[in-house]
Amino acid sequence: MVCVATARAALVAEPEPLPLQQVADNIWFVQGQAALGAPANRNFISNAGFIVTPDGVVVVDALGSPALARALLASIRSVTRQPVRWVVVTHYHADHVYGLQVFKDLGATVIARQEGREYLNSDTAQRRLEASRQELAPWVDAQTRLVPADRWLDADTTLTVGGERLLLRHVGPAHTAEDLAVFVERNRVLFAGDLVFRGRVPYVGTADSQAWITALTGLIDLKPAVIVPGHGALSREPLADLTLTRDYLQYLRRSMAEAAANLEPFEDAYARTDWSAFEHLPLFGVANRINAYNTYLLMEQAGR
């Protein structure tokens, strides 16, 4: 339980920098907890990173609360005094975007895929924000706002900043319709967003899992040297980690497709399915049943 007075005092204090991990000579990231968002962790459950160039800093994702974004900014300031010029949004889920306003207020240009506009303007996004103001207070509150992109992309784009070429590649619809991956060509570093949940069970929700599998294959074809996932630890074995997420999704589809085709009730199918290859992963108990149920419904609809 978080002391409200202590938390509110922390909001107005000079933020402590988040612990940085260096990815390459000019690239760093911060790693969120393998947990559900809560006041105790400030909604720090996702990753974010940044690339430092002679012409400014490019940030990838903005974390799950304005307080976290300010702490990320403090981390950036510990490395460079270059201004943050760009923020690339991999997708518009709350744990990646509630910090956007901090960078926007500093004059950064926000970039995202155009498909994110539909979600951003939806009742779902507004209801989620209202719920977060209750569930994640005081870190998400009445002053927390949804920030639209300044530049909505409708095609793959190369962003060149200070001599660094960043390929902004649309890899959705997969985890979301607007999934955007960032590939730093010189260092072959891939910011994969939530297409990759390293070392934990991904949150599938109502995602198009077949499209997600196809997108992962496309990321494998990039031959990245390093992956910064949306959740989990840095990957210096990209093939293994991309394959783990893909294998999990494929297993979900195979097992639930068989059950749906045989008109087997979901509870029976879930109970008889062998989950031993994945049940040791963090958040299996939280995410796997709902992942399986949503996949069962998807396969049931596909068979009609």
C-alpha atoms as a PDB file:
ATOM      1  CA  MET A   1       0.000   0.000   0.000  1.00  0.00           C
ATOM      2  CA  VAL A   2       1.380   3.422  -0.966  1.00  0.00           C
ATOM      3  CA  CYS A   3       1.182   6.281   1.524  1.00  0.00           C
ATOM      4  CA  VAL A   4      -0.766   8.984  -0.337  1.00  0.00           C
ATOM      5  CA  ALA A   5       1.055  11.863   1.382  1.00  0.00           C
ATOM      6  CA  THR A   6       4.432  10.348   0.538  1.00  0.00           C
ATOM      7  CA  ALA A   7       3.418   9.767  -3.066  1.00  0.00           C
ATOM      8  CA  ARG A   8       2.126  13.304  -3.489  1.00  0.00           C
ATOM      9  CA  ALA A   9       5.361  14.683  -2.036  1.00  0.00           C
ATOM     10  CA  ALA A  10       7.295  12.616  -4.559  1.00  0.00           C
ATOM     11  CA  LEU A  11       5.243  14.134  -7.378  1.00  0.00           C
ATOM     12  CA  VAL A  12       6.491  17.646  -6.672  1.00  0.00           C
ATOM     13  CA  ALA A  13      10.062  16.690  -5.748  1.00  0.00           C
ATOM     14  CA  GLU A  14      12.969  16.616  -8.176  1.00  0.00           C
ATOM     15  CA  PRO A  15      12.590  13.198  -9.834  1.00  0.00           C
ATOM     16  CA  GLU A  16      15.149  10.501  -9.256  1.00  0.00           C
ATOM     17  CA  PRO A  17      16.543   9.231 -12.575  1.00  0.00           C
ATOM     18  CA  LEU A  18      15.427   5.768 -13.577  1.00  0.00           C
ATOM     19  CA  PRO A  19      18.215   3.164 -13.750  1.00  0.00           C
ATOM     20  CA  LEU A  20      19.695   3.134 -17.247  1.00  0.00           C
ATOM     21  CA  GLN A  21      20.966   0.199 -19.248  1.00  0.00           C
ATOM     22  CA  GLN A  22      23.251   0.953 -22.181  1.00  0.00           C
ATOM     23  CA  VAL A  23      22.317  -0.800 -25.394  1.00  0.00           C
ATOM     24  CA  ALA A  24      24.927   0.633 -27.781  1.00  0.00           C
ATOM     25  CA  ASP A  25      27.360   3.554 -27.821  1.00  0.00           C
ATOM     26  CA  ASN A  26      24.535   6.128 -28.030  1.00  0.00           C
ATOM     27  CA  ILE A  27      21.453   4.139 -27.053  1.00  0.00           C
ATOM     28  CA  TRP A  28      19.977   3.491 -23.596  1.00  0.00           C
ATOM     29  CA  PHE A  29      16.770   2.064 -22.175  1.00  0.00           C
ATOM     30  CA  VAL A  30      14.893   1.708 -18.889  1.00  0.00           C
ATOM     31  CA  GLN A  31      13.219  -1.546 -17.921  1.00  0.00           C
ATOM     32  CA  GLY A  32       9.804  -1.710 -16.285  1.00  0.00           C
ATOM     33  CA  GLN A  33       8.704  -4.301 -13.779  1.00  0.00           C
ATOM     34  CA  ALA A  34       7.133  -7.617 -14.762  1.00  0.00           C
ATOM     35  CA  ALA A  35       3.934  -6.720 -12.948  1.00  0.00           C
ATOM     36  CA  LEU A  36       0.544  -5.151 -13.326  1.00  0.00           C
ATOM     37  CA  GLY A  37       0.334  -1.387 -13.097  1.00  0.00           C
ATOM     38  CA  ALA A  38      -0.295  -0.142  -9.556  1.00  0.00           C
ATOM     39  CA  PRO A  39       0.323   2.929  -7.394  1.00  0.00           C
ATOM     40  CA  ALA A  40       3.223   1.092  -5.744  1.00  0.00           C
ATOM     41  CA  ASN A  41       5.150   0.941  -9.053  1.00  0.00           C
ATOM     42  CA  ARG A  42       3.830   4.214 -10.576  1.00  0.00           C
ATOM     43  CA  ASN A  43       2.659   2.116 -13.555  1.00  0.00           C
ATOM     44  CA  PHE A  44       6.309   1.391 -14.388  1.00  0.00           C
ATOM     45  CA  ILE A  45       5.584  -1.887 -16.178  1.00  0.00           C
ATOM     46  CA  SER A  46       6.893  -1.171 -19.678  1.00  0.00           C
ATOM     47  CA  ASN A  47      10.194  -0.202 -21.252  1.00  0.00           C
ATOM     48  CA  ALA A  48      11.291   3.004 -22.940  1.00  0.00           C
ATOM     49  CA  GLY A  49      14.535   4.026 -24.604  1.00  0.00           C
ATOM     50  CA  PHE A  50      16.374   6.844 -26.283  1.00  0.00           C
ATOM     51  CA  ILE A  51      18.952   7.499 -28.977  1.00  0.00           C
ATOM     52  CA  VAL A  52      21.386  10.393 -28.532  1.00  0.00           C
ATOM     53  CA  THR A  53      22.554  12.210 -31.671  1.00  0.00           C
ATOM     54  CA  PRO A  54      24.431  15.476 -32.336  1.00  0.00           C
ATOM     55  CA  ASP A  55      21.105  17.033 -33.377  1.00  0.00           C
ATOM     56  CA  GLY A  56      19.058  15.940 -30.387  1.00  0.00           C
ATOM     57  CA  VAL A  57      17.517  12.950 -28.666  1.00  0.00           C
ATOM     58  CA  VAL A  58      14.931  10.522 -30.036  1.00  0.00           C
ATOM     59  CA  VAL A  59      12.828   8.859 -27.331  1.00  0.00           C
ATOM     60  CA  VAL A  60      10.930   5.632 -27.972  1.00  0.00           C
ATOM     61  CA  ASP A  61       7.779   5.462 -25.816  1.00  0.00           C
ATOM     62  CA  ALA A  62       7.052   7.630 -22.786  1.00  0.00           C
ATOM     63  CA  LEU A  63       6.124   5.202 -19.969  1.00  0.00           C
ATOM     64  CA  GLY A  64       2.951   4.902 -17.924  1.00  0.00           C
ATOM     65  CA  SER A  65       2.663   8.159 -15.975  1.00  0.00           C
ATOM     66  CA  PRO A  66       3.891  11.754 -16.189  1.00  0.00           C
ATOM     67  CA  ALA A  67       6.012  11.183 -13.071  1.00  0.00           C
ATOM     68  CA  LEU A  68       7.804   8.320 -14.792  1.00  0.00           C
ATOM     69  CA  ALA A  69       8.377  10.449 -17.894  1.00  0.00           C
ATOM     70  CA  ARG A  70       9.971  13.137 -15.732  1.00  0.00           C
ATOM     71  CA  ALA A  71      12.192  10.476 -14.177  1.00  0.00           C
ATOM     72  CA  LEU A  72      13.090   9.245 -17.674  1.00  0.00           C
ATOM     73  CA  LEU A  73      13.944  12.810 -18.644  1.00  0.00           C
ATOM     74  CA  ALA A  74      16.224  13.021 -15.600  1.00  0.00           C
ATOM     75  CA  SER A  75      17.925   9.843 -16.825  1.00  0.00           C
ATOM     76  CA  ILE A  76      18.394  11.378 -20.277  1.00  0.00           C
ATOM     77  CA  ARG A  77      19.868  14.516 -18.670  1.00  0.00           C
ATOM     78  CA  SER A  78      22.395  12.329 -16.842  1.00  0.00           C
ATOM     79  CA  VAL A  79      23.742  11.298 -20.263  1.00  0.00           C
ATOM     80  CA  THR A  80      23.339  14.384 -22.459  1.00  0.00           C
ATOM     81  CA  ARG A  81      22.148  18.000 -22.449  1.00  0.00           C
ATOM     82  CA  GLN A  82      20.834  17.595 -25.984  1.00  0.00           C
ATOM     83  CA  PRO A  83      17.125  18.415 -26.203  1.00  0.00           C
ATOM     84  CA  VAL A  84      14.517  15.745 -26.847  1.00  0.00           C
ATOM     85  CA  ARG A  85      13.482  16.422 -30.447  1.00  0.00           C
ATOM     86  CA  TRP A  86      11.294  13.422 -31.222  1.00  0.00           C
ATOM     87  CA  VAL A  87       9.196  10.865 -29.366  1.00  0.00           C
ATOM     88  CA  VAL A  88       8.179   7.758 -31.321  1.00  0.00           C
ATOM     89  CA  VAL A  89       5.118   5.928 -30.004  1.00  0.00           C
ATOM     90  CA  THR A  90       5.183   2.188 -30.655  1.00  0.00           C
ATOM     91  CA  HIS A  91       1.457   1.951 -29.785  1.00  0.00           C
ATOM     92  CA  TYR A  92      -1.163   3.799 -27.771  1.00  0.00           C
ATOM     93  CA  HIS A  93      -1.458   1.589 -24.715  1.00  0.00           C
ATOM     94  CA  ALA A  94      -1.611   3.377 -21.382  1.00  0.00           C
ATOM     95  CA  ASP A  95       1.640   2.030 -19.960  1.00  0.00           C
ATOM     96  CA  HIS A  96       3.536   3.464 -22.955  1.00  0.00           C
ATOM     97  CA  VAL A  97       1.873   6.859 -23.463  1.00  0.00           C
ATOM     98  CA  TYR A  98       0.673   8.461 -20.227  1.00  0.00           C
ATOM     99  CA  GLY A  99       4.057  10.178 -19.966  1.00  0.00           C
ATOM    100  CA  LEU A 100       3.860  11.794 -23.414  1.00  0.00           C
ATOM    101  CA  GLN A 101       2.678  15.170 -22.134  1.00  0.00           C
ATOM    102  CA  VAL A 102       6.008  15.759 -20.371  1.00  0.00           C
ATOM    103  CA  PHE A 103       7.964  15.581 -23.628  1.00  0.00           C
ATOM    104  CA  LYS A 104       5.276  17.373 -25.622  1.00  0.00           C
ATOM    105  CA  ASP A 105       5.359  20.289 -23.184  1.00  0.00           C
ATOM    106  CA  LEU A 106       9.124  20.546 -23.798  1.00  0.00           C
ATOM    107  CA  GLY A 107       8.530  20.950 -27.533  1.00  0.00           C
ATOM    108  CA  ALA A 108       9.221  17.416 -28.762  1.00  0.00           C
ATOM    109  CA  THR A 109       7.499  16.181 -31.921  1.00  0.00           C
ATOM    110  CA  VAL A 110       5.413  13.051 -31.342  1.00  0.00           C
ATOM    111  CA  ILE A 111       5.315  10.439 -34.117  1.00  0.00           C
ATOM    112  CA  ALA A 112       2.902   7.503 -34.345  1.00  0.00           C
ATOM    113  CA  ARG A 113       1.068   5.385 -36.879  1.00  0.00           C
ATOM    114  CA  GLN A 114      -2.204   6.807 -38.154  1.00  0.00           C
ATOM    115  CA  GLU A 115      -4.158   3.758 -36.961  1.00  0.00           C
ATOM    116  CA  GLY A 116      -3.606   4.978 -33.409  1.00  0.00           C
ATOM    117  CA  ARG A 117      -5.919   7.911 -34.024  1.00  0.00           C
ATOM    118  CA  GLU A 118      -9.008   5.713 -33.899  1.00  0.00           C
ATOM    119  CA  TYR A 119      -8.138   4.339 -30.474  1.00  0.00           C
ATOM    120  CA  LEU A 120      -6.995   7.710 -29.133  1.00  0.00           C
ATOM    121  CA  ASN A 121     -10.344   9.286 -30.032  1.00  0.00           C
ATOM    122  CA  SER A 122     -12.424   6.369 -28.787  1.00  0.00           C
ATOM    123  CA  ASP A 123     -14.632   6.049 -25.736  1.00  0.00           C
ATOM    124  CA  THR A 124     -12.452   3.098 -24.753  1.00  0.00           C
ATOM    125  CA  ALA A 125      -9.373   5.305 -24.404  1.00  0.00           C
ATOM    126  CA  GLN A 126     -11.301   7.869 -22.364  1.00  0.00           C
ATOM    127  CA  ARG A 127     -12.777   5.220 -20.078  1.00  0.00           C
ATOM    128  CA  ARG A 128      -9.343   3.682 -19.590  1.00  0.00           C
ATOM    129  CA  LEU A 129      -7.906   7.059 -18.621  1.00  0.00           C
ATOM    130  CA  GLU A 130     -10.747   7.685 -16.151  1.00  0.00           C
ATOM    131  CA  ALA A 131     -10.206   4.260 -14.609  1.00  0.00           C
ATOM    132  CA  SER A 132      -6.447   4.861 -14.421  1.00  0.00           C
ATOM    133  CA  ARG A 133      -7.031   8.139 -12.602  1.00  0.00           C
ATOM    134  CA  GLN A 134      -8.745   6.102  -9.901  1.00  0.00           C
ATOM    135  CA  GLU A 135      -6.574   2.985  -9.915  1.00  0.00           C
ATOM    136  CA  LEU A 136      -3.171   4.651 -10.351  1.00  0.00           C
ATOM    137  CA  ALA A 137      -3.636   7.817  -8.312  1.00  0.00           C
ATOM    138  CA  PRO A 138      -1.790   9.997  -7.582  1.00  0.00           C
ATOM    139  CA  TRP A 139       0.571   9.143 -10.452  1.00  0.00           C
ATOM    140  CA  VAL A 140      -2.224   9.359 -13.024  1.00  0.00           C
ATOM    141  CA  ASP A 141      -4.674  12.126 -12.143  1.00  0.00           C
ATOM    142  CA  ALA A 142      -6.953  14.825 -13.553  1.00  0.00           C
ATOM    143  CA  GLN A 143      -3.971  16.582 -15.138  1.00  0.00           C
ATOM    144  CA  THR A 144      -2.914  13.482 -17.063  1.00  0.00           C
ATOM    145  CA  ARG A 145      -4.032  13.771 -20.659  1.00  0.00           C
ATOM    146  CA  LEU A 146      -3.945  11.780 -23.874  1.00  0.00           C
ATOM    147  CA  VAL A 147      -1.506  13.307 -26.355  1.00  0.00           C
ATOM    148  CA  PRO A 148      -2.066  12.863 -30.097  1.00  0.00           C
ATOM    149  CA  ALA A 149       0.828  12.586 -32.510  1.00  0.00           C
ATOM    150  CA  ASP A 150       2.057  15.668 -34.319  1.00  0.00           C
ATOM    151  CA  ARG A 151       2.953  13.440 -37.236  1.00  0.00           C
ATOM    152  CA  TRP A 152       0.725  10.497 -38.113  1.00  0.00           C
ATOM    153  CA  LEU A 153       2.528   8.069 -40.402  1.00  0.00           C
ATOM    154  CA  ASP A 154       0.762   6.262 -43.225  1.00  0.00           C
ATOM    155  CA  ALA A 155       3.840   4.514 -44.652  1.00  0.00           C
ATOM    156  CA  ASP A 156       7.177   3.160 -43.478  1.00  0.00           C
ATOM    157  CA  THR A 157       9.507   6.091 -42.927  1.00  0.00           C
ATOM    158  CA  THR A 158      13.200   6.688 -42.344  1.00  0.00           C
ATOM    159  CA  LEU A 159      13.839   9.341 -39.718  1.00  0.00           C
ATOM    160  CA  THR A 160      17.351  10.769 -40.019  1.00  0.00           C
ATOM    161  CA  VAL A 161      18.581  12.670 -36.969  1.00  0.00           C
ATOM    162  CA  GLY A 162      22.178  13.734 -36.462  1.00  0.00           C
ATOM    163  CA  GLY A 163      23.419  11.218 -39.001  1.00  0.00           C
ATOM    164  CA  GLU A 164      21.497   8.296 -37.414  1.00  0.00           C
ATOM    165  CA  ARG A 165      18.992   6.531 -39.685  1.00  0.00           C
ATOM    166  CA  LEU A 166      15.967   5.136 -37.890  1.00  0.00           C
ATOM    167  CA  LEU A 167      13.581   2.940 -39.860  1.00  0.00           C
ATOM    168  CA  LEU A 168      10.055   3.403 -38.544  1.00  0.00           C
ATOM    169  CA  ARG A 169       8.265   0.271 -39.686  1.00  0.00           C
ATOM    170  CA  HIS A 170       4.565  -0.487 -39.370  1.00  0.00           C
ATOM    171  CA  VAL A 171       4.262  -4.014 -37.993  1.00  0.00           C
ATOM    172  CA  GLY A 172       0.554  -3.993 -37.178  1.00  0.00           C
ATOM    173  CA  PRO A 173      -2.127  -4.952 -36.933  1.00  0.00           C
ATOM    174  CA  ALA A 174      -0.654  -7.305 -34.384  1.00  0.00           C
ATOM    175  CA  HIS A 175      -0.601  -6.416 -30.680  1.00  0.00           C
ATOM    176  CA  THR A 176      -2.465  -3.263 -31.786  1.00  0.00           C
ATOM    177  CA  ALA A 177      -3.493  -1.856 -35.157  1.00  0.00           C
ATOM    178  CA  GLU A 178      -0.833   0.858 -34.925  1.00  0.00           C
ATOM    179  CA  ASP A 179       2.210  -1.195 -33.885  1.00  0.00           C
ATOM    180  CA  LEU A 180       5.381   0.611 -34.916  1.00  0.00           C
ATOM    181  CA  ALA A 181       8.912  -0.795 -34.652  1.00  0.00           C
ATOM    182  CA  VAL A 182      12.035   1.374 -34.624  1.00  0.00           C
ATOM    183  CA  PHE A 183      15.195  -0.045 -36.197  1.00  0.00           C
ATOM    184  CA  VAL A 184      18.438   1.893 -35.685  1.00  0.00           C
ATOM    185  CA  GLU A 185      20.390   0.898 -38.764  1.00  0.00           C
ATOM    186  CA  ARG A 186      23.977   1.666 -37.693  1.00  0.00           C
ATOM    187  CA  ASN A 187      23.826  -0.415 -34.512  1.00  0.00           C
ATOM    188  CA  ARG A 188      21.128  -2.825 -35.717  1.00  0.00           C
ATOM    189  CA  VAL A 189      19.139  -2.131 -32.547  1.00  0.00           C
ATOM    190  CA  LEU A 190      15.422  -2.901 -32.774  1.00  0.00           C
ATOM    191  CA  PHE A 191      12.833  -1.294 -30.505  1.00  0.00           C
ATOM    192  CA  ALA A 192      10.098  -3.869 -30.966  1.00  0.00           C
ATOM    193  CA  GLY A 193       7.349  -2.404 -28.797  1.00  0.00           C
ATOM    194  CA  ASP A 194       4.873  -4.941 -27.492  1.00  0.00           C
ATOM    195  CA  LEU A 195       5.403  -7.349 -30.335  1.00  0.00           C
ATOM    196  CA  VAL A 196       8.054  -8.791 -28.018  1.00  0.00           C
ATOM    197  CA  PHE A 197       7.455  -9.571 -24.342  1.00  0.00           C
ATOM    198  CA  ARG A 198      10.803 -10.990 -23.332  1.00  0.00           C
ATOM    199  CA  GLY A 199      10.867 -13.651 -20.652  1.00  0.00           C
ATOM    200  CA  ARG A 200       7.166 -13.304 -19.817  1.00  0.00           C
ATOM    201  CA  VAL A 201       3.783 -14.203 -21.194  1.00  0.00           C
ATOM    202  CA  PRO A 202       2.544 -11.486 -23.567  1.00  0.00           C
ATOM    203  CA  TYR A 203      -0.789  -9.771 -23.184  1.00  0.00           C
ATOM    204  CA  VAL A 204      -2.693 -10.833 -26.292  1.00  0.00           C
ATOM    205  CA  GLY A 205      -6.122  -9.402 -25.554  1.00  0.00           C
ATOM    206  CA  THR A 206      -8.198  -9.233 -28.734  1.00  0.00           C
ATOM    207  CA  ALA A 207      -5.147  -8.875 -30.974  1.00  0.00           C
ATOM    208  CA  ASP A 208      -4.977 -10.456 -34.415  1.00  0.00           C
ATOM    209  CA  SER A 209      -2.587 -13.201 -33.376  1.00  0.00           C
ATOM    210  CA  GLN A 210      -2.024 -14.478 -36.921  1.00  0.00           C
ATOM    211  CA  ALA A 211      -0.967 -11.012 -38.057  1.00  0.00           C
ATOM    212  CA  TRP A 212       1.241 -10.795 -34.959  1.00  0.00           C
ATOM    213  CA  ILE A 213       2.979 -14.038 -35.939  1.00  0.00           C
ATOM    214  CA  THR A 214       3.527 -12.669 -39.453  1.00  0.00           C
ATOM    215  CA  ALA A 215       4.925  -9.429 -38.025  1.00  0.00           C
ATOM    216  CA  LEU A 216       7.387 -11.325 -35.832  1.00  0.00           C
ATOM    217  CA  THR A 217       8.634 -13.160 -38.915  1.00  0.00           C
ATOM    218  CA  GLY A 218       9.228  -9.781 -40.550  1.00  0.00           C
ATOM    219  CA  LEU A 219      11.252  -8.627 -37.548  1.00  0.00           C
ATOM    220  CA  ILE A 220      13.350 -11.793 -37.709  1.00  0.00           C
ATOM    221  CA  ASP A 221      14.117 -10.908 -41.339  1.00  0.00           C
ATOM    222  CA  LEU A 222      15.633  -7.578 -40.205  1.00  0.00           C
ATOM    223  CA  LYS A 223      18.383  -9.593 -38.455  1.00  0.00           C
ATOM    224  CA  PRO A 224      18.681  -7.250 -35.460  1.00  0.00           C
ATOM    225  CA  ALA A 225      21.751  -7.533 -33.256  1.00  0.00           C
ATOM    226  CA  VAL A 226      19.880  -6.369 -30.161  1.00  0.00           C
ATOM    227  CA  ILE A 227      16.197  -6.049 -29.280  1.00  0.00           C
ATOM    228  CA  VAL A 228      14.695  -3.648 -26.774  1.00  0.00           C
ATOM    229  CA  PRO A 229      11.316  -5.290 -26.101  1.00  0.00           C
ATOM    230  CA  GLY A 230       8.221  -3.479 -24.929  1.00  0.00           C
ATOM    231  CA  HIS A 231       8.423  -5.514 -21.733  1.00  0.00           C
ATOM    232  CA  GLY A 232      11.255  -7.498 -20.232  1.00  0.00           C
ATOM    233  CA  ALA A 233      15.016  -7.534 -20.362  1.00  0.00           C
ATOM    234  CA  LEU A 234      17.256  -6.494 -23.233  1.00  0.00           C
ATOM    235  CA  SER A 235      17.767  -9.260 -25.759  1.00  0.00           C
ATOM    236  CA  ARG A 236      21.144  -9.975 -27.284  1.00  0.00           C
ATOM    237  CA  GLU A 237      19.737 -13.239 -28.640  1.00  0.00           C
ATOM    238  CA  PRO A 238      17.016 -11.754 -30.851  1.00  0.00           C
ATOM    239  CA  LEU A 239      16.155 -14.907 -32.755  1.00  0.00           C
ATOM    240  CA  ALA A 240      15.468 -16.881 -29.586  1.00  0.00           C
ATOM    241  CA  ASP A 241      13.283 -14.185 -28.061  1.00  0.00           C
ATOM    242  CA  LEU A 242      11.336 -13.424 -31.220  1.00  0.00           C
ATOM    243  CA  THR A 243      10.805 -17.150 -31.622  1.00  0.00           C
ATOM    244  CA  LEU A 244       9.565 -17.568 -28.024  1.00  0.00           C
ATOM    245  CA  THR A 245       6.786 -15.024 -28.501  1.00  0.00           C
ATOM    246  CA  ARG A 246       5.913 -16.469 -31.910  1.00  0.00           C
ATOM    247  CA  ASP A 247       5.869 -20.034 -30.552  1.00  0.00           C
ATOM    248  CA  TYR A 248       3.536 -19.022 -27.722  1.00  0.00           C
ATOM    249  CA  LEU A 249       1.092 -17.378 -30.120  1.00  0.00           C
ATOM    250  CA  GLN A 250       1.215 -20.333 -32.491  1.00  0.00           C
ATOM    251  CA  TYR A 251       0.564 -22.739 -29.621  1.00  0.00           C
ATOM    252  CA  LEU A 252      -2.409 -20.693 -28.463  1.00  0.00           C
ATOM    253  CA  ARG A 253      -3.892 -20.789 -31.948  1.00  0.00           C
ATOM    254  CA  ARG A 254      -3.288 -24.521 -32.501  1.00  0.00           C
ATOM    255  CA  SER A 255      -4.684 -25.626 -29.159  1.00  0.00           C
ATOM    256  CA  MET A 256      -7.709 -23.329 -29.183  1.00  0.00           C
ATOM    257  CA  ALA A 257      -8.461 -23.964 -32.878  1.00  0.00           C
ATOM    258  CA  GLU A 258      -8.691 -27.687 -32.209  1.00  0.00           C
ATOM    259  CA  ALA A 259     -11.047 -27.106 -29.295  1.00  0.00           C
ATOM    260  CA  ALA A 260     -13.254 -24.709 -31.234  1.00  0.00           C
ATOM    261  CA  ALA A 261     -13.413 -27.042 -34.240  1.00  0.00           C
ATOM    262  CA  ASN A 262     -14.492 -29.922 -31.974  1.00  0.00           C
ATOM    263  CA  LEU A 263     -17.076 -27.718 -30.210  1.00  0.00           C
ATOM    264  CA  GLU A 264     -15.284 -28.443 -26.946  1.00  0.00           C
ATOM    265  CA  PRO A 265     -16.236 -26.031 -24.142  1.00  0.00           C
ATOM    266  CA  PHE A 266     -13.449 -23.583 -23.357  1.00  0.00           C
ATOM    267  CA  GLU A 267     -13.029 -24.613 -19.712  1.00  0.00           C
ATOM    268  CA  ASP A 268     -12.564 -28.247 -20.721  1.00  0.00           C
ATOM    269  CA  ALA A 269     -10.113 -27.303 -23.461  1.00  0.00           C
ATOM    270  CA  TYR A 270      -8.104 -25.069 -21.157  1.00  0.00           C
ATOM    271  CA  ALA A 271      -7.890 -27.722 -18.459  1.00  0.00           C
ATOM    272  CA  ARG A 272      -6.626 -30.446 -20.797  1.00  0.00           C
ATOM    273  CA  THR A 273      -4.093 -28.247 -22.670  1.00  0.00           C
ATOM    274  CA  ASP A 274      -0.453 -28.834 -21.747  1.00  0.00           C
ATOM    275  CA  TRP A 275       0.892 -25.391 -20.758  1.00  0.00           C
ATOM    276  CA  SER A 276       4.170 -26.701 -19.315  1.00  0.00           C
ATOM    277  CA  ALA A 277       6.344 -24.987 -21.963  1.00  0.00           C
ATOM    278  CA  PHE A 278       5.120 -21.570 -20.799  1.00  0.00           C
ATOM    279  CA  GLU A 279       3.749 -21.837 -17.261  1.00  0.00           C
ATOM    280  CA  HIS A 280       7.127 -20.970 -15.705  1.00  0.00           C
ATOM    281  CA  LEU A 281       7.120 -17.533 -17.356  1.00  0.00           C
ATOM    282  CA  PRO A 282       6.266 -14.408 -15.326  1.00  0.00           C
ATOM    283  CA  LEU A 283       2.588 -13.329 -15.487  1.00  0.00           C
ATOM    284  CA  PHE A 284       1.488 -16.701 -16.843  1.00  0.00           C
ATOM    285  CA  GLY A 285      -1.140 -16.936 -14.117  1.00  0.00           C
ATOM    286  CA  VAL A 286      -2.413 -13.434 -14.826  1.00  0.00           C
ATOM    287  CA  ALA A 287      -2.443 -13.427 -18.624  1.00  0.00           C
ATOM    288  CA  ASN A 288      -2.621 -16.941 -20.018  1.00  0.00           C
ATOM    289  CA  ARG A 289      -6.264 -17.812 -19.330  1.00  0.00           C
ATOM    290  CA  ILE A 290      -7.607 -14.596 -20.868  1.00  0.00           C
ATOM    291  CA  ASN A 291      -5.190 -14.985 -23.793  1.00  0.00           C
ATOM    292  CA  ALA A 292      -6.469 -18.500 -24.366  1.00  0.00           C
ATOM    293  CA  TYR A 293     -10.112 -17.485 -24.019  1.00  0.00           C
ATOM    294  CA  ASN A 294      -9.825 -14.612 -26.487  1.00  0.00           C
ATOM    295  CA  THR A 295      -7.980 -16.886 -28.915  1.00  0.00           C
ATOM    296  CA  TYR A 296     -10.702 -19.532 -28.494  1.00  0.00           C
ATOM    297  CA  LEU A 297     -13.344 -16.953 -29.416  1.00  0.00           C
ATOM    298  CA  LEU A 298     -11.242 -15.814 -32.381  1.00  0.00           C
ATOM    299  CA  MET A 299     -10.850 -19.362 -33.677  1.00  0.00           C
ATOM    300  CA  GLU A 300     -14.512 -20.105 -33.060  1.00  0.00           C
ATOM    301  CA  GLN A 301     -15.518 -17.102 -35.161  1.00  0.00           C
ATOM    302  CA  ALA A 302     -13.040 -18.058 -37.888  1.00  0.00           C
ATOM    303  CA  GLY A 303     -14.613 -21.511 -38.143  1.00  0.00           C
ATOM    304  CA  ARG A 304     -18.154 -20.262 -38.671  1.00  0.00           C
END
